[in-house]
PDB file of N, CA and C in Angstrom:
ATOM      1  N   MET A   1      27.929  95.777-112.263  1.00  0.00           N
ATOM      2  CA  MET A   1      28.112  96.003-111.083  1.00  0.00           C
ATOM      3  C   MET A   1      28.321  97.333-110.568  1.00  0.00           C
ATOM      4  N   ASN A   2      27.889  98.273-109.634  1.00  0.00           N
ATOM      5  CA  ASN A   2      28.405  99.466-109.147  1.00  0.00           C
ATOM      6  C   ASN A   2      28.414  99.001-107.737  1.00  0.00           C
ATOM      7  N   ALA A   3      29.542  99.512-107.269  1.00  0.00           N
ATOM      8  CA  ALA A   3      29.929  99.446-105.787  1.00  0.00           C
ATOM      9  C   ALA A   3      31.227 100.308-105.345  1.00  0.00           C
ATOM     10  N   SER A   4      31.006 100.330-104.086  1.00  0.00           N
ATOM     11  CA  SER A   4      32.159 101.026-103.436  1.00  0.00           C
ATOM     12  C   SER A   4      32.562 100.384-102.366  1.00  0.00           C
ATOM     13  N   TYR A   5      34.063 100.530-102.203  1.00  0.00           N
ATOM     14  CA  TYR A   5      34.583  99.971-100.957  1.00  0.00           C
ATOM     15  C   TYR A   5      35.460 100.590-100.320  1.00  0.00           C
ATOM     16  N   ARG A   6      35.808 100.537 -99.149  1.00  0.00           N
ATOM     17  CA  ARG A   6      36.636 101.394 -98.203  1.00  0.00           C
ATOM     18  C   ARG A   6      38.107 100.298 -97.919  1.00  0.00           C
ATOM     19  N   ILE A   7      39.097 101.157 -98.428  1.00  0.00           N
ATOM     20  CA  ILE A   7      40.662 100.600 -98.427  1.00  0.00           C
ATOM     21  C   ILE A   7      41.214 101.364 -97.861  1.00  0.00           C
ATOM     22  N   ASP A   8      41.741 100.875 -96.718  1.00  0.00           N
ATOM     23  CA  ASP A   8      42.951 101.315 -95.841  1.00  0.00           C
ATOM     24  C   ASP A   8      44.219 101.181 -96.565  1.00  0.00           C
ATOM     25  N   GLY A   9      45.339 102.325 -96.082  1.00  0.00           N
ATOM     26  CA  GLY A   9      46.520 102.173 -96.567  1.00  0.00           C
ATOM     27  C   GLY A   9      46.868 103.053 -97.911  1.00  0.00           C
ATOM     28  N   MET A  10      45.723 103.695 -98.512  1.00  0.00           N
ATOM     29  CA  MET A  10      46.162 104.307 -99.840  1.00  0.00           C
ATOM     30  C   MET A  10      46.481 105.742 -99.567  1.00  0.00           C
ATOM     31  N   THR A  11      47.749 106.202 -99.892  1.00  0.00           N
ATOM     32  CA  THR A  11      47.927 107.414 -99.528  1.00  0.00           C
ATOM     33  C   THR A  11      48.704 108.417-100.409  1.00  0.00           C
ATOM     34  N   CYS A  12      48.531 107.950-101.964  1.00  0.00           N
ATOM     35  CA  CYS A  12      49.170 108.684-102.838  1.00  0.00           C
ATOM     36  C   CYS A  12      48.664 108.135-104.178  1.00  0.00           C
ATOM     37  N   GLN A  13      49.018 109.075-105.142  1.00  0.00           N
ATOM     38  CA  GLN A  13      48.648 108.440-106.578  1.00  0.00           C
ATOM     39  C   GLN A  13      49.083 107.082-106.977  1.00  0.00           C
ATOM     40  N   GLY A  14      50.490 106.639-106.321  1.00  0.00           N
ATOM     41  CA  GLY A  14      51.033 105.719-106.972  1.00  0.00           C
ATOM     42  C   GLY A  14      50.129 104.306-106.251  1.00  0.00           C
ATOM     43  N   CYS A  15      49.743 104.733-105.072  1.00  0.00           N
ATOM     44  CA  CYS A  15      48.630 103.401-104.344  1.00  0.00           C
ATOM     45  C   CYS A  15      47.499 103.489-105.130  1.00  0.00           C
ATOM     46  N   ALA A  16      46.769 104.494-105.533  1.00  0.00           N
ATOM     47  CA  ALA A  16      45.774 104.559-106.423  1.00  0.00           C
ATOM     48  C   ALA A  16      45.748 103.704-107.633  1.00  0.00           C
ATOM     49  N   ARG A  17      47.091 104.168-108.428  1.00  0.00           N
ATOM     50  CA  ARG A  17      47.488 102.980-109.667  1.00  0.00           C
ATOM     51  C   ARG A  17      47.373 101.965-109.002  1.00  0.00           C
ATOM     52  N   SER A  18      47.945 101.424-108.135  1.00  0.00           N
ATOM     53  CA  SER A  18      48.331 100.095-107.492  1.00  0.00           C
ATOM     54  C   SER A  18      46.927  99.296-107.399  1.00  0.00           C
ATOM     55  N   VAL A  19      45.885 100.129-106.672  1.00  0.00           N
ATOM     56  CA  VAL A  19      44.470  99.563-106.326  1.00  0.00           C
ATOM     57  C   VAL A  19      44.159  99.546-107.891  1.00  0.00           C
ATOM     58  N   THR A  20      43.921 100.493-108.954  1.00  0.00           N
ATOM     59  CA  THR A  20      43.277 100.313-109.855  1.00  0.00           C
ATOM     60  C   THR A  20      43.797  99.170-110.474  1.00  0.00           C
ATOM     61  N   LYS A  21      44.943  99.226-110.958  1.00  0.00           N
ATOM     62  CA  LYS A  21      45.616  98.208-111.969  1.00  0.00           C
ATOM     63  C   LYS A  21      45.080  96.672-111.151  1.00  0.00           C
ATOM     64  N   ALA A  22      45.350  96.490-109.789  1.00  0.00           N
ATOM     65  CA  ALA A  22      45.030  95.274-109.349  1.00  0.00           C
ATOM     66  C   ALA A  22      43.583  94.923-109.465  1.00  0.00           C
ATOM     67  N   ILE A  23      42.627  95.659-109.424  1.00  0.00           N
ATOM     68  CA  ILE A  23      41.165  95.576-109.672  1.00  0.00           C
ATOM     69  C   ILE A  23      40.904  94.882-111.202  1.00  0.00           C
ATOM     70  N   GLN A  24      41.589  95.938-112.004  1.00  0.00           N
ATOM     71  CA  GLN A  24      41.346  95.787-113.628  1.00  0.00           C
ATOM     72  C   GLN A  24      42.122  94.533-113.948  1.00  0.00           C
ATOM     73  N   ALA A  25      43.049  94.112-113.132  1.00  0.00           N
ATOM     74  CA  ALA A  25      43.640  92.845-113.595  1.00  0.00           C
ATOM     75  C   ALA A  25      42.652  91.500-113.403  1.00  0.00           C
ATOM     76  N   VAL A  26      41.922  91.494-112.484  1.00  0.00           N
ATOM     77  CA  VAL A  26      40.700  90.655-112.299  1.00  0.00           C
ATOM     78  C   VAL A  26      39.629  90.781-113.226  1.00  0.00           C
ATOM     79  N   SER A  27      39.234  91.929-113.452  1.00  0.00           N
ATOM     80  CA  SER A  27      38.070  92.269-114.279  1.00  0.00           C
ATOM     81  C   SER A  27      38.674  93.536-115.014  1.00  0.00           C
ATOM     82  N   PRO A  28      39.189  93.223-116.411  1.00  0.00           N
ATOM     83  CA  PRO A  28      39.646  94.465-117.237  1.00  0.00           C
ATOM     84  C   PRO A  28      38.648  95.205-117.892  1.00  0.00           C
ATOM     85  N   THR A  29      37.226  95.003-118.043  1.00  0.00           N
ATOM     86  CA  THR A  29      36.455  95.993-118.451  1.00  0.00           C
ATOM     87  C   THR A  29      35.774  97.003-117.514  1.00  0.00           C
ATOM     88  N   THR A  30      36.224  96.670-116.236  1.00  0.00           N
ATOM     89  CA  THR A  30      35.865  97.386-114.864  1.00  0.00           C
ATOM     90  C   THR A  30      36.561  98.841-114.703  1.00  0.00           C
ATOM     91  N   GLU A  31      35.757  99.753-114.682  1.00  0.00           N
ATOM     92  CA  GLU A  31      36.087 101.189-114.298  1.00  0.00           C
ATOM     93  C   GLU A  31      36.076 101.550-112.783  1.00  0.00           C
ATOM     94  N   VAL A  32      37.503 101.848-112.473  1.00  0.00           N
ATOM     95  CA  VAL A  32      37.732 102.114-110.921  1.00  0.00           C
ATOM     96  C   VAL A  32      38.054 103.646-110.967  1.00  0.00           C
ATOM     97  N   ALA A  33      37.269 104.390-110.006  1.00  0.00           N
ATOM     98  CA  ALA A  33      37.649 105.733-109.182  1.00  0.00           C
ATOM     99  C   ALA A  33      38.088 105.543-107.945  1.00  0.00           C
ATOM    100  N   VAL A  34      39.224 106.031-107.570  1.00  0.00           N
ATOM    101  CA  VAL A  34      39.688 106.049-106.169  1.00  0.00           C
ATOM    102  C   VAL A  34      39.777 107.636-105.767  1.00  0.00           C
ATOM    103  N   ASP A  35      39.377 107.737-104.712  1.00  0.00           N
ATOM    104  CA  ASP A  35      39.200 108.891-103.894  1.00  0.00           C
ATOM    105  C   ASP A  35      39.879 108.678-102.450  1.00  0.00           C
ATOM    106  N   LEU A  36      41.177 109.353-102.733  1.00  0.00           N
ATOM    107  CA  LEU A  36      42.303 108.809-101.776  1.00  0.00           C
ATOM    108  C   LEU A  36      41.781 109.647-100.449  1.00  0.00           C
ATOM    109  N   GLU A  37      41.536 110.953-100.429  1.00  0.00           N
ATOM    110  CA  GLU A  37      40.976 111.387 -99.177  1.00  0.00           C
ATOM    111  C   GLU A  37      39.924 110.681 -98.353  1.00  0.00           C
ATOM    112  N   ALA A  38      38.900 109.976 -99.002  1.00  0.00           N
ATOM    113  CA  ALA A  38      37.910 109.377 -98.275  1.00  0.00           C
ATOM    114  C   ALA A  38      38.421 107.675 -98.230  1.00  0.00           C
ATOM    115  N   GLY A  39      39.412 107.510 -99.017  1.00  0.00           N
ATOM    116  CA  GLY A  39      39.905 106.199 -98.835  1.00  0.00           C
ATOM    117  C   GLY A  39      38.833 105.151 -99.407  1.00  0.00           C
ATOM    118  N   VAL A  40      38.174 105.415-100.664  1.00  0.00           N
ATOM    119  CA  VAL A  40      37.153 104.775-101.137  1.00  0.00           C
ATOM    120  C   VAL A  40      37.368 104.773-102.852  1.00  0.00           C
ATOM    121  N   VAL A  41      37.192 103.208-103.109  1.00  0.00           N
ATOM    122  CA  VAL A  41      36.998 102.840-104.438  1.00  0.00           C
ATOM    123  C   VAL A  41      36.047 102.637-104.907  1.00  0.00           C
ATOM    124  N   ALA A  42      35.394 103.293-106.052  1.00  0.00           N
ATOM    125  CA  ALA A  42      34.061 102.717-106.605  1.00  0.00           C
ATOM    126  C   ALA A  42      34.486 102.423-107.930  1.00  0.00           C
ATOM    127  N   ILE A  43      33.586 101.032-108.123  1.00  0.00           N
ATOM    128  CA  ILE A  43      33.843 100.235-109.248  1.00  0.00           C
ATOM    129  C   ILE A  43      32.489 100.275-110.231  1.00  0.00           C
ATOM    130  N   THR A  44      32.537 100.235-111.156  1.00  0.00           N
ATOM    131  CA  THR A  44      31.712 100.383-112.015  1.00  0.00           C
ATOM    132  C   THR A  44      31.796  99.262-113.431  1.00  0.00           C
ATOM    133  N   GLY A  45      31.112  98.114-113.248  1.00  0.00           N
ATOM    134  CA  GLY A  45      31.406  97.086-114.348  1.00  0.00           C
ATOM    135  C   GLY A  45      31.527  95.714-113.838  1.00  0.00           C
ATOM    136  N   PRO A  46      31.718  94.515-114.468  1.00  0.00           N
ATOM    137  CA  PRO A  46      31.418  93.624-114.102  1.00  0.00           C
ATOM    138  C   PRO A  46      32.823  93.024-112.857  1.00  0.00           C
ATOM    139  N   ALA A  47      32.454  92.707-111.582  1.00  0.00           N
ATOM    140  CA  ALA A  47      33.488  92.433-111.058  1.00  0.00           C
ATOM    141  C   ALA A  47      32.930  91.788-109.750  1.00  0.00           C
ATOM    142  N   ASP A  48      33.516  90.800-109.426  1.00  0.00           N
ATOM    143  CA  ASP A  48      33.184  89.966-108.296  1.00  0.00           C
ATOM    144  C   ASP A  48      33.884  90.560-107.201  1.00  0.00           C
ATOM    145  N   GLY A  49      33.038  90.688-105.817  1.00  0.00           N
ATOM    146  CA  GLY A  49      33.359  91.496-104.643  1.00  0.00           C
ATOM    147  C   GLY A  49      34.596  90.351-104.040  1.00  0.00           C
ATOM    148  N   ASP A  50      34.529  89.425-104.070  1.00  0.00           N
ATOM    149  CA  ASP A  50      35.364  88.329-103.285  1.00  0.00           C
ATOM    150  C   ASP A  50      36.840  88.431-104.311  1.00  0.00           C
ATOM    151  N   GLN A  51      36.686  88.458-105.521  1.00  0.00           N
ATOM    152  CA  GLN A  51      37.947  88.759-106.329  1.00  0.00           C
ATOM    153  C   GLN A  51      38.364  90.221-106.147  1.00  0.00           C
ATOM    154  N   VAL A  52      37.561  91.272-106.223  1.00  0.00           N
ATOM    155  CA  VAL A  52      38.136  92.611-105.849  1.00  0.00           C
ATOM    156  C   VAL A  52      38.742  92.484-104.460  1.00  0.00           C
ATOM    157  N   LYS A  53      38.229  92.129-103.191  1.00  0.00           N
ATOM    158  CA  LYS A  53      38.693  92.170-102.112  1.00  0.00           C
ATOM    159  C   LYS A  53      39.955  91.177-102.331  1.00  0.00           C
ATOM    160  N   ARG A  54      40.392  90.070-102.887  1.00  0.00           N
ATOM    161  CA  ARG A  54      41.551  89.470-102.833  1.00  0.00           C
ATOM    162  C   ARG A  54      42.449  90.279-103.543  1.00  0.00           C
ATOM    163  N   ALA A  55      42.420  90.781-104.555  1.00  0.00           N
ATOM    164  CA  ALA A  55      43.261  91.671-105.599  1.00  0.00           C
ATOM    165  C   ALA A  55      43.733  92.888-104.508  1.00  0.00           C
ATOM    166  N   VAL A  56      42.628  93.547-104.230  1.00  0.00           N
ATOM    167  CA  VAL A  56      43.411  94.565-103.080  1.00  0.00           C
ATOM    168  C   VAL A  56      44.265  94.253-101.958  1.00  0.00           C
ATOM    169  N   GLU A  57      43.897  92.985-101.439  1.00  0.00           N
ATOM    170  CA  GLU A  57      44.557  92.491-100.509  1.00  0.00           C
ATOM    171  C   GLU A  57      45.781  92.306-101.263  1.00  0.00           C
ATOM    172  N   ASP A  58      46.119  91.243-102.057  1.00  0.00           N
ATOM    173  CA  ASP A  58      47.346  90.944-102.721  1.00  0.00           C
ATOM    174  C   ASP A  58      48.115  92.404-103.408  1.00  0.00           C
ATOM    175  N   ALA A  59      47.621  93.250-103.462  1.00  0.00           N
ATOM    176  CA  ALA A  59      48.336  94.575-103.963  1.00  0.00           C
ATOM    177  C   ALA A  59      49.065  95.198-102.441  1.00  0.00           C
ATOM    178  N   GLY A  60      48.622  94.579-101.531  1.00  0.00           N
ATOM    179  CA  GLY A  60      49.193  95.186-100.072  1.00  0.00           C
ATOM    180  C   GLY A  60      48.489  96.161 -99.368  1.00  0.00           C
ATOM    181  N   PHE A  61      47.279  96.342 -99.783  1.00  0.00           N
ATOM    182  CA  PHE A  61      46.298  97.148 -99.166  1.00  0.00           C
ATOM    183  C   PHE A  61      45.068  96.279 -98.338  1.00  0.00           C
ATOM    184  N   ASP A  62      44.404  97.145 -97.518  1.00  0.00           N
ATOM    185  CA  ASP A  62      43.386  96.524 -96.518  1.00  0.00           C
ATOM    186  C   ASP A  62      42.148  96.719 -96.957  1.00  0.00           C
ATOM    187  N   PHE A  63      41.495  95.870 -97.230  1.00  0.00           N
ATOM    188  CA  PHE A  63      40.189  96.204 -97.780  1.00  0.00           C
ATOM    189  C   PHE A  63      39.229  95.940 -96.458  1.00  0.00           C
ATOM    190  N   VAL A  64      38.359  96.923 -96.398  1.00  0.00           N
ATOM    191  CA  VAL A  64      37.547  97.490 -95.088  1.00  0.00           C
ATOM    192  C   VAL A  64      36.255  96.634 -95.577  1.00  0.00           C
ATOM    193  N   GLY A  65      35.758  96.707 -96.449  1.00  0.00           N
ATOM    194  CA  GLY A  65      34.579  96.425 -96.982  1.00  0.00           C
ATOM    195  C   GLY A  65      33.558  97.667 -97.475  1.00  0.00           C
ATOM    196  N   PRO A  66      32.228  97.213 -98.034  1.00  0.00           N
ATOM    197  CA  PRO A  66      31.313  98.325 -98.671  1.00  0.00           C
ATOM    198  C   PRO A  66      31.536  99.818 -97.864  1.00  0.00           C
ATOM    199  N   ALA A  67      31.754 100.744 -98.668  1.00  0.00           N
ATOM    200  CA  ALA A  67      31.746 101.987 -98.320  1.00  0.00           C
ATOM    201  C   ALA A  67      30.190 102.546 -98.216  1.00  0.00           C
TER     202      ALA A  67
END
């Protein structure tokens, strides 16, 4: 799966690490690239969109939807 999602609330590298860790917790082989300036997370690998949404929200960020 290759997908990009808009995430609100990411303001620093710590936020980027938290989002990356949350996504990789539900799909350990997934590659995650965070663009803080754009507020976008790009995912490469096997990850279910619903699980990604839940993981991001559980980490305290707002999952907006596809970028």
